Amino acid sequence: MNVKKLIAAVAVFAAAGSVFAGDLMPFTELDNFKSTKTRADVVAEVNRDRAEIALARGDIGLVPAVAPTSTRTRLAVRKEAIESAHNQKSLSRSDIGG
C-alpha cells in the first residue's frame, strides 16, 4: 500500500511541476530593449537621488564616518593587553568585593 501512495505522490508532483514549467520569461517586450542612457548618466542620476533623499531626511551637513588611524603599534597594544590580563589575575576576591 505504501508503494502505491509513493507512486501516486510522485505522479502528482510531476504533474504539478509540469504546470509551472511554462514560459519563464513572459515579458517578450524586453527582448529588443535599447537603453538611451549611458552608465555615467545612470550613476549621476543615482547620486542625485541619494542627495535628494538625504536632503529630505535632513542628513545634509553630516560628515561620513572615517575609521580613525591608530598611533600605537600592534606590539604595543598586545603588550598592554597582556599586562592588563596579568593585573586582573593578581587581584584577589577581597579586592573585587567578594
N, C-alpha and C. Protein backbone atom coordinates (compact mmCIF):
# COMPACT_ATOMS: atom_id res chain seq x y z
N MET A 1 0.82 -1.20 0.00
CA MET A 1 0.00 0.00 0.00
C MET A 1 0.86 1.26 0.00
N ASN A 2 1.96 1.24 0.74
CA ASN A 2 2.83 2.41 0.81
C ASN A 2 3.48 2.71 -0.53
N VAL A 3 3.78 1.66 -1.29
CA VAL A 3 4.40 1.85 -2.61
C VAL A 3 3.41 2.55 -3.54
N LYS A 4 2.14 2.18 -3.46
CA LYS A 4 1.12 2.82 -4.30
C LYS A 4 0.98 4.30 -3.95
N LYS A 5 1.03 4.62 -2.66
CA LYS A 5 0.93 6.02 -2.24
C LYS A 5 2.14 6.81 -2.70
N LEU A 6 3.30 6.17 -2.64
CA LEU A 6 4.53 6.84 -3.07
C LEU A 6 4.48 7.12 -4.57
N ILE A 7 4.03 6.14 -5.35
CA ILE A 7 3.94 6.32 -6.80
C ILE A 7 2.91 7.41 -7.13
N ALA A 8 1.80 7.41 -6.41
CA ALA A 8 0.78 8.44 -6.65
C ALA A 8 1.33 9.83 -6.30
N ALA A 9 2.07 9.94 -5.21
CA ALA A 9 2.63 11.23 -4.81
C ALA A 9 3.63 11.73 -5.84
N VAL A 10 4.47 10.83 -6.35
CA VAL A 10 5.45 11.22 -7.37
C VAL A 10 4.73 11.68 -8.63
N ALA A 11 3.66 10.99 -9.00
CA ALA A 11 2.92 11.38 -10.19
C ALA A 11 2.27 12.75 -10.02
N VAL A 12 1.74 13.01 -8.82
CA VAL A 12 1.13 14.32 -8.57
C VAL A 12 2.17 15.43 -8.63
N PHE A 13 3.33 15.20 -8.02
CA PHE A 13 4.39 16.22 -8.04
C PHE A 13 4.92 16.43 -9.46
N ALA A 14 5.02 15.38 -10.23
CA ALA A 14 5.49 15.52 -11.61
C ALA A 14 4.49 16.34 -12.43
N ALA A 15 3.20 16.06 -12.22
CA ALA A 15 2.18 16.82 -12.95
C ALA A 15 2.17 18.28 -12.52
N ALA A 16 2.34 18.52 -11.21
CA ALA A 16 2.36 19.90 -10.71
C ALA A 16 3.59 20.64 -11.22
N GLY A 17 4.70 19.95 -11.31
CA GLY A 17 5.92 20.58 -11.82
C GLY A 17 5.80 20.98 -13.27
N SER A 18 5.11 20.16 -14.05
CA SER A 18 4.97 20.49 -15.47
C SER A 18 4.06 21.69 -15.67
N VAL A 19 3.14 21.92 -14.74
CA VAL A 19 2.26 23.09 -14.84
C VAL A 19 3.08 24.36 -14.69
N PHE A 20 4.05 24.35 -13.78
CA PHE A 20 4.86 25.54 -13.53
C PHE A 20 6.05 25.66 -14.46
N ALA A 21 6.25 24.69 -15.32
CA ALA A 21 7.40 24.71 -16.21
C ALA A 21 7.09 25.43 -17.52
N GLY A 22 6.18 26.36 -17.48
CA GLY A 22 5.82 27.10 -18.68
C GLY A 22 6.88 28.12 -19.04
N ASP A 23 6.47 29.16 -19.69
CA ASP A 23 7.38 30.21 -20.13
C ASP A 23 7.96 30.94 -18.92
N LEU A 24 9.27 30.87 -18.77
CA LEU A 24 9.91 31.50 -17.62
C LEU A 24 10.09 33.00 -17.81
N MET A 25 10.08 33.47 -19.04
CA MET A 25 10.25 34.88 -19.32
C MET A 25 9.10 35.36 -20.19
N PRO A 26 7.95 35.64 -19.58
CA PRO A 26 6.79 36.02 -20.39
C PRO A 26 6.86 37.45 -20.91
N PHE A 27 7.84 38.22 -20.49
CA PHE A 27 7.92 39.62 -20.89
C PHE A 27 8.75 39.73 -22.15
N THR A 28 8.16 39.44 -23.26
CA THR A 28 8.88 39.43 -24.53
C THR A 28 9.17 40.83 -25.04
N GLU A 29 8.48 41.84 -24.50
CA GLU A 29 8.74 43.20 -24.98
C GLU A 29 10.11 43.71 -24.53
N LEU A 30 10.77 42.99 -23.63
CA LEU A 30 12.10 43.40 -23.18
C LEU A 30 13.21 42.80 -24.03
N ASP A 31 12.86 41.94 -24.98
CA ASP A 31 13.87 41.28 -25.79
C ASP A 31 14.68 42.27 -26.63
N ASN A 32 14.05 43.27 -27.17
CA ASN A 32 14.73 44.21 -28.05
C ASN A 32 14.92 45.57 -27.38
N PHE A 33 15.09 45.57 -26.08
CA PHE A 33 15.22 46.82 -25.33
C PHE A 33 16.56 47.47 -25.60
N LYS A 34 16.55 48.75 -25.91
CA LYS A 34 17.77 49.54 -26.12
C LYS A 34 17.75 50.69 -25.13
N SER A 35 18.78 50.79 -24.32
CA SER A 35 18.86 51.86 -23.34
C SER A 35 19.24 53.17 -24.01
N THR A 36 18.67 54.26 -23.50
CA THR A 36 19.01 55.57 -24.03
C THR A 36 19.99 56.30 -23.14
N LYS A 37 20.32 55.70 -21.98
CA LYS A 37 21.24 56.33 -21.04
C LYS A 37 22.55 55.55 -20.99
N THR A 38 23.62 56.29 -20.74
CA THR A 38 24.91 55.65 -20.55
C THR A 38 25.06 55.29 -19.07
N ARG A 39 26.07 54.51 -18.77
CA ARG A 39 26.35 54.14 -17.38
C ARG A 39 26.60 55.39 -16.54
N ALA A 40 27.31 56.35 -17.09
CA ALA A 40 27.60 57.59 -16.37
C ALA A 40 26.31 58.36 -16.06
N ASP A 41 25.37 58.35 -17.00
CA ASP A 41 24.07 59.01 -16.76
C ASP A 41 23.34 58.35 -15.60
N VAL A 42 23.34 57.03 -15.57
CA VAL A 42 22.64 56.31 -14.50
C VAL A 42 23.30 56.57 -13.16
N VAL A 43 24.64 56.55 -13.11
CA VAL A 43 25.35 56.81 -11.85
C VAL A 43 25.07 58.22 -11.37
N ALA A 44 25.06 59.20 -12.27
CA ALA A 44 24.77 60.57 -11.87
C ALA A 44 23.34 60.69 -11.35
N GLU A 45 22.41 59.99 -11.97
CA GLU A 45 21.02 60.02 -11.52
C GLU A 45 20.88 59.40 -10.13
N VAL A 46 21.56 58.31 -9.90
CA VAL A 46 21.52 57.66 -8.57
C VAL A 46 22.10 58.59 -7.52
N ASN A 47 23.23 59.21 -7.81
CA ASN A 47 23.84 60.13 -6.83
C ASN A 47 22.93 61.32 -6.56
N ARG A 48 22.28 61.84 -7.59
CA ARG A 48 21.35 62.95 -7.40
C ARG A 48 20.17 62.53 -6.52
N ASP A 49 19.65 61.35 -6.78
CA ASP A 49 18.52 60.85 -5.98
C ASP A 49 18.94 60.64 -4.53
N ARG A 50 20.13 60.12 -4.31
CA ARG A 50 20.62 59.93 -2.94
C ARG A 50 20.74 61.27 -2.22
N ALA A 51 21.21 62.28 -2.93
CA ALA A 51 21.32 63.61 -2.32
C ALA A 51 19.95 64.17 -1.98
N GLU A 52 18.97 63.95 -2.85
CA GLU A 52 17.61 64.42 -2.57
C GLU A 52 17.02 63.70 -1.36
N ILE A 53 17.29 62.41 -1.24
CA ILE A 53 16.79 61.65 -0.09
C ILE A 53 17.46 62.16 1.18
N ALA A 54 18.76 62.42 1.12
CA ALA A 54 19.47 62.93 2.29
C ALA A 54 18.93 64.30 2.68
N LEU A 55 18.60 65.13 1.70
CA LEU A 55 18.04 66.44 1.98
C LEU A 55 16.66 66.29 2.65
N ALA A 56 15.86 65.37 2.16
CA ALA A 56 14.54 65.15 2.73
C ALA A 56 14.63 64.62 4.16
N ARG A 57 15.64 63.84 4.44
CA ARG A 57 15.82 63.30 5.79
C ARG A 57 16.47 64.32 6.72
N GLY A 58 17.13 65.28 6.17
CA GLY A 58 17.85 66.25 7.00
C GLY A 58 19.26 65.81 7.31
N ASP A 59 19.82 64.92 6.48
CA ASP A 59 21.16 64.40 6.71
C ASP A 59 22.26 65.30 6.16
N ILE A 60 21.90 66.38 5.52
CA ILE A 60 22.91 67.25 4.92
C ILE A 60 23.75 67.89 6.02
N GLY A 61 25.03 67.92 5.81
CA GLY A 61 25.93 68.52 6.77
C GLY A 61 26.60 67.50 7.67
N LEU A 62 26.12 66.27 7.64
CA LEU A 62 26.76 65.24 8.44
C LEU A 62 28.01 64.76 7.71
N VAL A 63 29.05 64.56 8.46
CA VAL A 63 30.31 64.10 7.89
C VAL A 63 30.30 62.58 7.90
N PRO A 64 30.62 61.95 6.80
CA PRO A 64 30.65 60.49 6.81
C PRO A 64 31.71 59.97 7.77
N ALA A 65 31.43 58.87 8.40
CA ALA A 65 32.34 58.29 9.38
C ALA A 65 33.61 57.83 8.70
N VAL A 66 34.72 58.15 9.31
CA VAL A 66 36.02 57.74 8.80
C VAL A 66 36.69 56.93 9.91
N ALA A 67 37.25 55.81 9.55
CA ALA A 67 37.91 54.97 10.55
C ALA A 67 39.13 55.72 11.09
N PRO A 68 39.25 55.82 12.42
CA PRO A 68 40.40 56.51 12.99
C PRO A 68 41.67 55.71 12.77
N THR A 69 42.76 56.42 12.62
CA THR A 69 44.04 55.75 12.47
C THR A 69 44.73 55.73 13.82
N SER A 70 45.32 54.62 14.15
CA SER A 70 45.97 54.44 15.44
C SER A 70 47.41 54.94 15.37
N THR A 71 47.88 55.48 16.49
CA THR A 71 49.26 55.93 16.56
C THR A 71 50.13 54.90 17.26
N ARG A 72 49.48 53.87 17.84
CA ARG A 72 50.24 52.83 18.55
C ARG A 72 50.44 51.63 17.63
N THR A 73 51.54 50.92 17.89
CA THR A 73 51.81 49.74 17.08
C THR A 73 51.03 48.55 17.63
N ARG A 74 50.93 47.54 16.81
CA ARG A 74 50.25 46.31 17.22
C ARG A 74 50.96 45.68 18.41
N LEU A 75 52.27 45.73 18.41
CA LEU A 75 53.06 45.16 19.50
C LEU A 75 52.77 45.88 20.82
N ALA A 76 52.64 47.21 20.78
CA ALA A 76 52.36 47.97 21.99
C ALA A 76 50.98 47.64 22.54
N VAL A 77 50.01 47.49 21.67
CA VAL A 77 48.66 47.15 22.11
C VAL A 77 48.64 45.75 22.71
N ARG A 78 49.35 44.83 22.10
CA ARG A 78 49.40 43.46 22.61
C ARG A 78 50.07 43.42 23.98
N LYS A 79 51.15 44.18 24.13
CA LYS A 79 51.86 44.22 25.42
C LYS A 79 50.93 44.78 26.50
N GLU A 80 50.19 45.82 26.18
CA GLU A 80 49.26 46.41 27.14
C GLU A 80 48.16 45.42 27.53
N ALA A 81 47.67 44.65 26.57
CA ALA A 81 46.63 43.67 26.86
C ALA A 81 47.15 42.57 27.77
N ILE A 82 48.37 42.13 27.53
CA ILE A 82 48.97 41.09 28.39
C ILE A 82 49.17 41.62 29.80
N GLU A 83 49.67 42.85 29.94
CA GLU A 83 49.86 43.44 31.27
C GLU A 83 48.53 43.59 31.99
N SER A 84 47.50 43.98 31.28
CA SER A 84 46.18 44.12 31.89
C SER A 84 45.65 42.78 32.36
N ALA A 85 45.88 41.73 31.57
CA ALA A 85 45.43 40.39 31.97
C ALA A 85 46.17 39.92 33.21
N HIS A 86 47.46 40.20 33.28
CA HIS A 86 48.24 39.82 34.48
C HIS A 86 47.75 40.59 35.70
N ASN A 87 47.43 41.87 35.54
CA ASN A 87 46.93 42.66 36.66
C ASN A 87 45.58 42.15 37.13
N GLN A 88 44.73 41.71 36.21
CA GLN A 88 43.42 41.18 36.59
C GLN A 88 43.57 39.88 37.37
N LYS A 89 44.54 39.05 37.00
CA LYS A 89 44.76 37.78 37.69
C LYS A 89 45.30 38.00 39.09
N SER A 90 46.06 39.08 39.27
CA SER A 90 46.68 39.32 40.58
C SER A 90 45.68 39.87 41.60
N LEU A 91 44.52 40.32 41.17
CA LEU A 91 43.51 40.80 42.12
C LEU A 91 42.92 39.62 42.87
N SER A 92 42.75 39.78 44.17
CA SER A 92 42.11 38.72 44.96
C SER A 92 40.64 38.99 45.05
N ARG A 93 39.89 38.05 45.60
CA ARG A 93 38.45 38.22 45.74
C ARG A 93 38.11 39.38 46.67
N SER A 94 38.96 39.66 47.64
CA SER A 94 38.67 40.76 48.56
C SER A 94 38.80 42.09 47.86
N ASP A 95 39.66 42.17 46.85
CA ASP A 95 39.79 43.42 46.09
C ASP A 95 38.55 43.69 45.24
N ILE A 96 37.93 42.62 44.80
CA ILE A 96 36.77 42.76 43.94
C ILE A 96 35.52 43.02 44.76
N GLY A 97 35.53 42.58 46.01
CA GLY A 97 34.37 42.79 46.87
C GLY A 97 33.64 41.50 47.15
N GLY A 98 34.32 40.36 46.96
CA GLY A 98 33.67 39.07 47.13
C GLY A 98 33.96 38.42 48.44
